[in-house]
Amino acid sequence: MPDMPATTGERRPPKGFKAAIRRAVARKFFKYLVSKTKNFSHTTWLGRPIWQNLFDIQTIQETIVDLQPALIIECGTNLGGSSMYYAHLFDLLAAENRLQSGRGRIVTIDIEKMHDLSHPRITYLIGSSTAPEIFAQVKAMADAAAASGPILVILDSDHSMKHVRAELELYAPLVTPGSFCLVQDGVIDVLPNFAGGRPGPLPAIHDYLKTHPEFEIDRERCERYLITHHPDGWLRRK
């Protein structure tokens, strides 16, 4: 029997309804995942706490392999697992002869030392990421590394809007063309679990982009795995 035509009285869902339902389901799943994993607080890399959303750390890994940055600047060392993860990625690339000579350093900054880790590729700085003396050291390293390859910046320290906005003004200009400034944890401004930390990174990102057309949001990286702690966080320098 052929399909019967729809009656004139049939109600169709409004435009965008299915997409809205998918987003709502994804948000509910993400909220449960954050709760179930205690916000990924027990995630480790080779036994070291890394405290990263697994979907996001995969995207970071792919980006590092693609870019082969000469220098990664990380604001927010915390327990040190992320910087160690980046160093080990560089080690693996070097072992496979896939890392160009002179590349593969990390400088990571925090206001206190909360770990006992060390690695020859990593420089640990103690102090505020926005302090002039700290930034002067990082900029000197960035200036020296820029001739060797891309510079990747990852902002993951104080997530308040004011602090992130100040970090963007300082550190985003150190990003080389074609590379990225990854602003982490804009999820604070999205999920109700983190409402107490608002305003967070997301409004800082959008405010920065209003006056910095040299950057654009890399939607493919932001939306690759549907759920992310870093909505609109991958800023690519044109």
C-alpha atoms as a PDB file:
ATOM      1  CA  MET A   1       0.000   0.000   0.000  1.00  0.00           C
ATOM      2  CA  PRO A   2       1.445   3.412  -0.892  1.00  0.00           C
ATOM      3  CA  ASP A   3       2.152   5.898   1.892  1.00  0.00           C
ATOM      4  CA  MET A   4      -0.777   8.126   2.644  1.00  0.00           C
ATOM      5  CA  PRO A   5      -0.138  11.836   2.245  1.00  0.00           C
ATOM      6  CA  ALA A   6       0.048  13.862   5.425  1.00  0.00           C
ATOM      7  CA  THR A   7      -3.215  15.460   6.385  1.00  0.00           C
ATOM      8  CA  THR A   8      -3.469  19.204   6.341  1.00  0.00           C
ATOM      9  CA  GLY A   9      -4.006  19.127  10.088  1.00  0.00           C
ATOM     10  CA  GLU A  10      -0.767  17.258  10.857  1.00  0.00           C
ATOM     11  CA  ARG A  11       1.510  19.238  13.191  1.00  0.00           C
ATOM     12  CA  ARG A  12       5.188  19.266  12.302  1.00  0.00           C
ATOM     13  CA  PRO A  13       7.927  20.054  14.812  1.00  0.00           C
ATOM     14  CA  PRO A  14       9.239  23.602  14.535  1.00  0.00           C
ATOM     15  CA  LYS A  15      12.522  24.219  12.761  1.00  0.00           C
ATOM     16  CA  GLY A  16      15.491  23.323  14.934  1.00  0.00           C
ATOM     17  CA  PHE A  17      13.391  21.206  17.298  1.00  0.00           C
ATOM     18  CA  LYS A  18      15.351  17.982  16.725  1.00  0.00           C
ATOM     19  CA  ALA A  19      18.668  19.764  17.148  1.00  0.00           C
ATOM     20  CA  ALA A  20      17.434  21.312  20.390  1.00  0.00           C
ATOM     21  CA  ILE A  21      16.406  17.878  21.656  1.00  0.00           C
ATOM     22  CA  ARG A  22      19.842  16.460  20.807  1.00  0.00           C
ATOM     23  CA  ARG A  23      21.554  19.302  22.657  1.00  0.00           C
ATOM     24  CA  ALA A  24      19.314  18.804  25.687  1.00  0.00           C
ATOM     25  CA  VAL A  25      20.040  15.063  25.766  1.00  0.00           C
ATOM     26  CA  ALA A  26      23.786  15.702  25.387  1.00  0.00           C
ATOM     27  CA  ARG A  27      23.688  18.263  28.201  1.00  0.00           C
ATOM     28  CA  LYS A  28      21.865  15.839  30.492  1.00  0.00           C
ATOM     29  CA  PHE A  29      24.363  13.079  29.701  1.00  0.00           C
ATOM     30  CA  PHE A  30      27.256  15.469  30.262  1.00  0.00           C
ATOM     31  CA  LYS A  31      25.838  16.531  33.622  1.00  0.00           C
ATOM     32  CA  TYR A  32      25.597  12.876  34.664  1.00  0.00           C
ATOM     33  CA  LEU A  33      29.111  12.144  33.373  1.00  0.00           C
ATOM     34  CA  VAL A  34      30.579  15.036  35.377  1.00  0.00           C
ATOM     35  CA  SER A  35      28.801  13.780  38.488  1.00  0.00           C
ATOM     36  CA  LYS A  36      29.748  10.132  37.917  1.00  0.00           C
ATOM     37  CA  THR A  37      33.448  10.872  37.417  1.00  0.00           C
ATOM     38  CA  LYS A  38      33.608  13.608  40.076  1.00  0.00           C
ATOM     39  CA  ASN A  39      34.441  15.949  37.207  1.00  0.00           C
ATOM     40  CA  PHE A  40      37.220  13.624  35.975  1.00  0.00           C
ATOM     41  CA  SER A  41      39.119  14.225  39.207  1.00  0.00           C
ATOM     42  CA  HIS A  42      40.361  10.624  39.318  1.00  0.00           C
ATOM     43  CA  THR A  43      41.623  10.549  35.732  1.00  0.00           C
ATOM     44  CA  THR A  44      45.338   9.761  35.536  1.00  0.00           C
ATOM     45  CA  TRP A  45      48.148   9.621  32.992  1.00  0.00           C
ATOM     46  CA  LEU A  46      50.706   6.905  33.812  1.00  0.00           C
ATOM     47  CA  GLY A  47      49.493   7.027  37.396  1.00  0.00           C
ATOM     48  CA  ARG A  48      49.673  10.816  37.694  1.00  0.00           C
ATOM     49  CA  PRO A  49      46.504  12.880  38.233  1.00  0.00           C
ATOM     50  CA  ILE A  50      45.669  14.758  35.046  1.00  0.00           C
ATOM     51  CA  TRP A  51      42.143  16.048  35.820  1.00  0.00           C
ATOM     52  CA  GLN A  52      41.004  16.425  32.208  1.00  0.00           C
ATOM     53  CA  ASN A  53      37.866  15.509  30.322  1.00  0.00           C
ATOM     54  CA  LEU A  54      38.942  12.496  28.245  1.00  0.00           C
ATOM     55  CA  PHE A  55      37.245  13.829  25.126  1.00  0.00           C
ATOM     56  CA  ASP A  56      39.151  17.102  25.425  1.00  0.00           C
ATOM     57  CA  ILE A  57      42.543  15.556  26.147  1.00  0.00           C
ATOM     58  CA  GLN A  58      42.172  13.496  22.980  1.00  0.00           C
ATOM     59  CA  THR A  59      41.553  16.646  20.951  1.00  0.00           C
ATOM     60  CA  ILE A  60      44.603  18.264  22.558  1.00  0.00           C
ATOM     61  CA  GLN A  61      46.726  15.211  21.691  1.00  0.00           C
ATOM     62  CA  GLU A  62      45.635  15.337  18.066  1.00  0.00           C
ATOM     63  CA  THR A  63      46.388  19.056  17.907  1.00  0.00           C
ATOM     64  CA  ILE A  64      49.868  18.647  19.401  1.00  0.00           C
ATOM     65  CA  VAL A  65      50.721  15.886  16.925  1.00  0.00           C
ATOM     66  CA  ASP A  66      49.413  17.986  14.049  1.00  0.00           C
ATOM     67  CA  LEU A  67      51.150  21.221  15.089  1.00  0.00           C
ATOM     68  CA  GLN A  68      54.368  19.881  16.633  1.00  0.00           C
ATOM     69  CA  PRO A  69      54.667  23.089  18.666  1.00  0.00           C
ATOM     70  CA  ALA A  70      58.074  24.377  19.661  1.00  0.00           C
ATOM     71  CA  LEU A  71      56.587  25.590  22.934  1.00  0.00           C
ATOM     72  CA  ILE A  72      53.419  24.947  24.918  1.00  0.00           C
ATOM     73  CA  ILE A  73      52.548  27.662  27.435  1.00  0.00           C
ATOM     74  CA  GLU A  74      50.245  26.322  30.164  1.00  0.00           C
ATOM     75  CA  CYS A  75      48.673  28.646  32.710  1.00  0.00           C
ATOM     76  CA  GLY A  76      47.557  26.404  35.582  1.00  0.00           C
ATOM     77  CA  THR A  77      49.889  23.550  36.540  1.00  0.00           C
ATOM     78  CA  ASN A  78      47.770  22.145  39.381  1.00  0.00           C
ATOM     79  CA  LEU A  79      48.972  18.580  40.068  1.00  0.00           C
ATOM     80  CA  GLY A  80      51.250  18.596  37.034  1.00  0.00           C
ATOM     81  CA  GLY A  81      49.688  15.742  35.100  1.00  0.00           C
ATOM     82  CA  SER A  82      48.762  17.736  32.004  1.00  0.00           C
ATOM     83  CA  SER A  83      52.222  19.203  31.461  1.00  0.00           C
ATOM     84  CA  MET A  84      53.748  15.746  31.977  1.00  0.00           C
ATOM     85  CA  TYR A  85      51.302  14.335  29.427  1.00  0.00           C
ATOM     86  CA  TYR A  86      52.402  16.948  26.880  1.00  0.00           C
ATOM     87  CA  ALA A  87      56.077  16.201  27.590  1.00  0.00           C
ATOM     88  CA  HIS A  88      55.531  12.480  27.088  1.00  0.00           C
ATOM     89  CA  LEU A  89      53.765  13.146  23.778  1.00  0.00           C
ATOM     90  CA  PHE A  90      56.836  15.060  22.641  1.00  0.00           C
ATOM     91  CA  ASP A  91      59.041  12.164  23.810  1.00  0.00           C
ATOM     92  CA  LEU A  92      56.967   9.701  21.786  1.00  0.00           C
ATOM     93  CA  LEU A  93      57.086  11.887  18.692  1.00  0.00           C
ATOM     94  CA  ALA A  94      60.848  12.260  19.048  1.00  0.00           C
ATOM     95  CA  ALA A  95      61.290   8.497  19.482  1.00  0.00           C
ATOM     96  CA  GLU A  96      59.400   7.960  16.231  1.00  0.00           C
ATOM     97  CA  ASN A  97      61.489  10.646  14.478  1.00  0.00           C
ATOM     98  CA  ARG A  98      58.332  12.678  13.927  1.00  0.00           C
ATOM     99  CA  LEU A  99      59.342  15.729  15.964  1.00  0.00           C
ATOM    100  CA  GLN A 100      61.403  18.391  14.253  1.00  0.00           C
ATOM    101  CA  SER A 101      64.634  19.414  15.924  1.00  0.00           C
ATOM    102  CA  GLY A 102      64.330  22.229  18.469  1.00  0.00           C
ATOM    103  CA  ARG A 103      60.690  21.607  19.253  1.00  0.00           C
ATOM    104  CA  GLY A 104      58.861  20.249  22.241  1.00  0.00           C
ATOM    105  CA  ARG A 105      59.176  22.421  25.351  1.00  0.00           C
ATOM    106  CA  ILE A 106      56.552  23.273  27.976  1.00  0.00           C
ATOM    107  CA  VAL A 107      56.441  26.163  30.419  1.00  0.00           C
ATOM    108  CA  THR A 108      53.729  25.820  33.063  1.00  0.00           C
ATOM    109  CA  ILE A 109      52.674  28.363  35.671  1.00  0.00           C
ATOM    110  CA  ASP A 110      50.835  28.194  38.988  1.00  0.00           C
ATOM    111  CA  ILE A 111      50.656  30.217  42.176  1.00  0.00           C
ATOM    112  CA  GLU A 112      51.860  27.257  44.255  1.00  0.00           C
ATOM    113  CA  LYS A 113      53.633  23.959  43.714  1.00  0.00           C
ATOM    114  CA  MET A 114      51.296  21.008  44.280  1.00  0.00           C
ATOM    115  CA  HIS A 115      53.442  18.166  42.909  1.00  0.00           C
ATOM    116  CA  ASP A 116      56.952  16.706  42.916  1.00  0.00           C
ATOM    117  CA  LEU A 117      57.207  16.077  39.173  1.00  0.00           C
ATOM    118  CA  SER A 118      60.075  16.980  36.875  1.00  0.00           C
ATOM    119  CA  HIS A 119      60.927  16.460  33.231  1.00  0.00           C
ATOM    120  CA  PRO A 120      63.707  17.946  31.082  1.00  0.00           C
ATOM    121  CA  ARG A 121      61.181  19.406  28.654  1.00  0.00           C
ATOM    122  CA  ILE A 122      59.193  21.230  31.354  1.00  0.00           C
ATOM    123  CA  THR A 123      59.932  24.562  33.050  1.00  0.00           C
ATOM    124  CA  TYR A 124      57.867  25.184  36.178  1.00  0.00           C
ATOM    125  CA  LEU A 125      57.172  28.777  37.220  1.00  0.00           C
ATOM    126  CA  ILE A 126      55.599  29.725  40.559  1.00  0.00           C
ATOM    127  CA  GLY A 127      53.516  32.897  40.648  1.00  0.00           C
ATOM    128  CA  SER A 128      50.454  34.480  39.106  1.00  0.00           C
ATOM    129  CA  SER A 129      50.213  34.064  35.348  1.00  0.00           C
ATOM    130  CA  THR A 130      49.370  37.761  35.051  1.00  0.00           C
ATOM    131  CA  ALA A 131      52.261  38.994  37.224  1.00  0.00           C
ATOM    132  CA  PRO A 132      54.701  41.119  35.156  1.00  0.00           C
ATOM    133  CA  GLU A 133      57.767  39.168  36.316  1.00  0.00           C
ATOM    134  CA  ILE A 134      56.170  35.839  35.368  1.00  0.00           C
ATOM    135  CA  PHE A 135      54.950  37.036  32.005  1.00  0.00           C
ATOM    136  CA  ALA A 136      58.372  38.521  31.203  1.00  0.00           C
ATOM    137  CA  GLN A 137      59.969  35.084  31.645  1.00  0.00           C
ATOM    138  CA  VAL A 138      57.337  33.384  29.489  1.00  0.00           C
ATOM    139  CA  LYS A 139      57.577  35.992  26.745  1.00  0.00           C
ATOM    140  CA  ALA A 140      61.347  35.584  26.613  1.00  0.00           C
ATOM    141  CA  MET A 141      60.878  31.836  26.146  1.00  0.00           C
ATOM    142  CA  ALA A 142      58.212  32.430  23.485  1.00  0.00           C
ATOM    143  CA  ASP A 143      60.402  34.888  21.588  1.00  0.00           C
ATOM    144  CA  ALA A 144      63.243  32.359  21.567  1.00  0.00           C
ATOM    145  CA  ALA A 145      60.993  29.469  20.490  1.00  0.00           C
ATOM    146  CA  ALA A 146      59.068  31.267  17.747  1.00  0.00           C
ATOM    147  CA  ALA A 147      61.845  30.734  15.210  1.00  0.00           C
ATOM    148  CA  SER A 148      61.728  26.963  15.807  1.00  0.00           C
ATOM    149  CA  GLY A 149      58.013  26.333  15.349  1.00  0.00           C
ATOM    150  CA  PRO A 150      54.448  27.039  16.494  1.00  0.00           C
ATOM    151  CA  ILE A 151      53.533  28.254  19.963  1.00  0.00           C
ATOM    152  CA  LEU A 152      50.430  26.794  21.607  1.00  0.00           C
ATOM    153  CA  VAL A 153      48.827  28.477  24.638  1.00  0.00           C
ATOM    154  CA  ILE A 154      46.541  26.678  27.115  1.00  0.00           C
ATOM    155  CA  LEU A 155      44.727  28.768  29.759  1.00  0.00           C
ATOM    156  CA  ASP A 156      43.649  26.639  32.718  1.00  0.00           C
ATOM    157  CA  SER A 157      44.280  28.615  35.898  1.00  0.00           C
ATOM    158  CA  ASP A 158      41.847  30.954  37.672  1.00  0.00           C
ATOM    159  CA  HIS A 159      38.636  30.559  35.656  1.00  0.00           C
ATOM    160  CA  SER A 160      36.973  33.826  36.650  1.00  0.00           C
ATOM    161  CA  MET A 161      35.983  36.038  33.736  1.00  0.00           C
ATOM    162  CA  LYS A 162      38.239  38.881  34.879  1.00  0.00           C
ATOM    163  CA  HIS A 163      41.336  36.695  35.175  1.00  0.00           C
ATOM    164  CA  VAL A 164      40.773  34.831  31.907  1.00  0.00           C
ATOM    165  CA  ARG A 165      40.235  38.121  30.095  1.00  0.00           C
ATOM    166  CA  ALA A 166      43.529  39.424  31.485  1.00  0.00           C
ATOM    167  CA  GLU A 167      45.334  36.216  30.479  1.00  0.00           C
ATOM    168  CA  LEU A 168      43.968  36.480  26.957  1.00  0.00           C
ATOM    169  CA  GLU A 169      45.369  39.990  26.560  1.00  0.00           C
ATOM    170  CA  LEU A 170      48.799  38.799  27.685  1.00  0.00           C
ATOM    171  CA  TYR A 171      49.159  35.311  26.256  1.00  0.00           C
ATOM    172  CA  ALA A 172      47.021  35.127  23.118  1.00  0.00           C
ATOM    173  CA  PRO A 173      49.423  37.478  21.236  1.00  0.00           C
ATOM    174  CA  LEU A 174      52.198  34.908  21.844  1.00  0.00           C
ATOM    175  CA  VAL A 175      50.320  32.374  19.684  1.00  0.00           C
ATOM    176  CA  THR A 176      51.871  32.002  16.247  1.00  0.00           C
ATOM    177  CA  PRO A 177      49.661  32.208  13.123  1.00  0.00           C
ATOM    178  CA  GLY A 178      47.874  28.920  12.477  1.00  0.00           C
ATOM    179  CA  SER A 179      48.249  27.793  16.098  1.00  0.00           C
ATOM    180  CA  PHE A 180      45.808  28.041  18.995  1.00  0.00           C
ATOM    181  CA  CYS A 181      44.980  29.554  22.329  1.00  0.00           C
ATOM    182  CA  LEU A 182      42.866  26.974  24.153  1.00  0.00           C
ATOM    183  CA  VAL A 183      40.734  28.571  26.855  1.00  0.00           C
ATOM    184  CA  GLN A 184      39.661  25.765  29.153  1.00  0.00           C
ATOM    185  CA  ASP A 185      36.545  25.222  31.268  1.00  0.00           C
ATOM    186  CA  GLY A 186      33.987  27.513  29.681  1.00  0.00           C
ATOM    187  CA  VAL A 187      31.623  24.744  30.802  1.00  0.00           C
ATOM    188  CA  ILE A 188      31.361  26.780  34.012  1.00  0.00           C
ATOM    189  CA  ASP A 189      29.040  29.094  32.091  1.00  0.00           C
ATOM    190  CA  VAL A 190      27.000  26.245  30.575  1.00  0.00           C
ATOM    191  CA  LEU A 191      26.262  23.459  33.061  1.00  0.00           C
ATOM    192  CA  PRO A 192      24.278  24.183  36.249  1.00  0.00           C
ATOM    193  CA  ASN A 193      26.799  22.086  38.234  1.00  0.00           C
ATOM    194  CA  PHE A 194      29.291  24.952  38.007  1.00  0.00           C
ATOM    195  CA  ALA A 195      26.968  27.947  38.336  1.00  0.00           C
ATOM    196  CA  GLY A 196      28.747  29.091  41.501  1.00  0.00           C
ATOM    197  CA  GLY A 197      31.838  29.958  39.462  1.00  0.00           C
ATOM    198  CA  ARG A 198      30.151  32.355  37.053  1.00  0.00           C
ATOM    199  CA  PRO A 199      30.919  34.517  35.200  1.00  0.00           C
ATOM    200  CA  GLY A 200      33.681  32.281  33.901  1.00  0.00           C
ATOM    201  CA  PRO A 201      35.787  31.844  30.757  1.00  0.00           C
ATOM    202  CA  LEU A 202      33.025  31.874  28.133  1.00  0.00           C
ATOM    203  CA  PRO A 203      32.068  35.572  28.392  1.00  0.00           C
ATOM    204  CA  ALA A 204      35.791  36.409  28.558  1.00  0.00           C
ATOM    205  CA  ILE A 205      36.308  34.580  25.253  1.00  0.00           C
ATOM    206  CA  HIS A 206      33.446  36.352  23.527  1.00  0.00           C
ATOM    207  CA  ASP A 207      34.512  39.743  24.854  1.00  0.00           C
ATOM    208  CA  TYR A 208      38.079  39.210  23.664  1.00  0.00           C
ATOM    209  CA  LEU A 209      37.004  38.218  20.162  1.00  0.00           C
ATOM    210  CA  LYS A 210      35.053  41.467  19.745  1.00  0.00           C
ATOM    211  CA  THR A 211      38.304  43.417  19.502  1.00  0.00           C
ATOM    212  CA  HIS A 212      40.689  40.751  18.180  1.00  0.00           C
ATOM    213  CA  PRO A 213      39.658  39.701  14.664  1.00  0.00           C
ATOM    214  CA  GLU A 214      43.005  37.924  14.231  1.00  0.00           C
ATOM    215  CA  PHE A 215      41.447  35.045  16.193  1.00  0.00           C
ATOM    216  CA  GLU A 216      38.486  32.868  15.323  1.00  0.00           C
ATOM    217  CA  ILE A 217      36.736  29.952  17.056  1.00  0.00           C
ATOM    218  CA  ASP A 218      37.713  26.586  15.585  1.00  0.00           C
ATOM    219  CA  ARG A 219      34.282  24.970  15.643  1.00  0.00           C
ATOM    220  CA  GLU A 220      35.521  21.593  14.464  1.00  0.00           C
ATOM    221  CA  ARG A 221      37.794  21.204  17.479  1.00  0.00           C
ATOM    222  CA  CYS A 222      35.241  22.642  19.908  1.00  0.00           C
ATOM    223  CA  GLU A 223      32.464  20.320  18.747  1.00  0.00           C
ATOM    224  CA  ARG A 224      34.393  17.197  17.744  1.00  0.00           C
ATOM    225  CA  TYR A 225      33.069  14.923  20.510  1.00  0.00           C
ATOM    226  CA  LEU A 226      29.739  16.684  21.156  1.00  0.00           C
ATOM    227  CA  ILE A 227      30.494  17.266  24.849  1.00  0.00           C
ATOM    228  CA  THR A 228      33.412  19.380  26.011  1.00  0.00           C
ATOM    229  CA  HIS A 229      34.631  21.328  29.018  1.00  0.00           C
ATOM    230  CA  HIS A 230      35.833  24.023  26.618  1.00  0.00           C
ATOM    231  CA  PRO A 231      32.876  25.390  24.591  1.00  0.00           C
ATOM    232  CA  ASP A 232      34.146  28.007  22.106  1.00  0.00           C
ATOM    233  CA  GLY A 233      37.548  27.489  23.727  1.00  0.00           C
ATOM    234  CA  TRP A 234      39.691  26.640  20.706  1.00  0.00           C
ATOM    235  CA  LEU A 235      40.795  30.021  19.362  1.00  0.00           C
ATOM    236  CA  ARG A 236      42.822  29.796  16.157  1.00  0.00           C
ATOM    237  CA  ARG A 237      45.092  32.609  15.139  1.00  0.00           C
ATOM    238  CA  LYS A 238      44.488  33.341  11.461  1.00  0.00           C
END
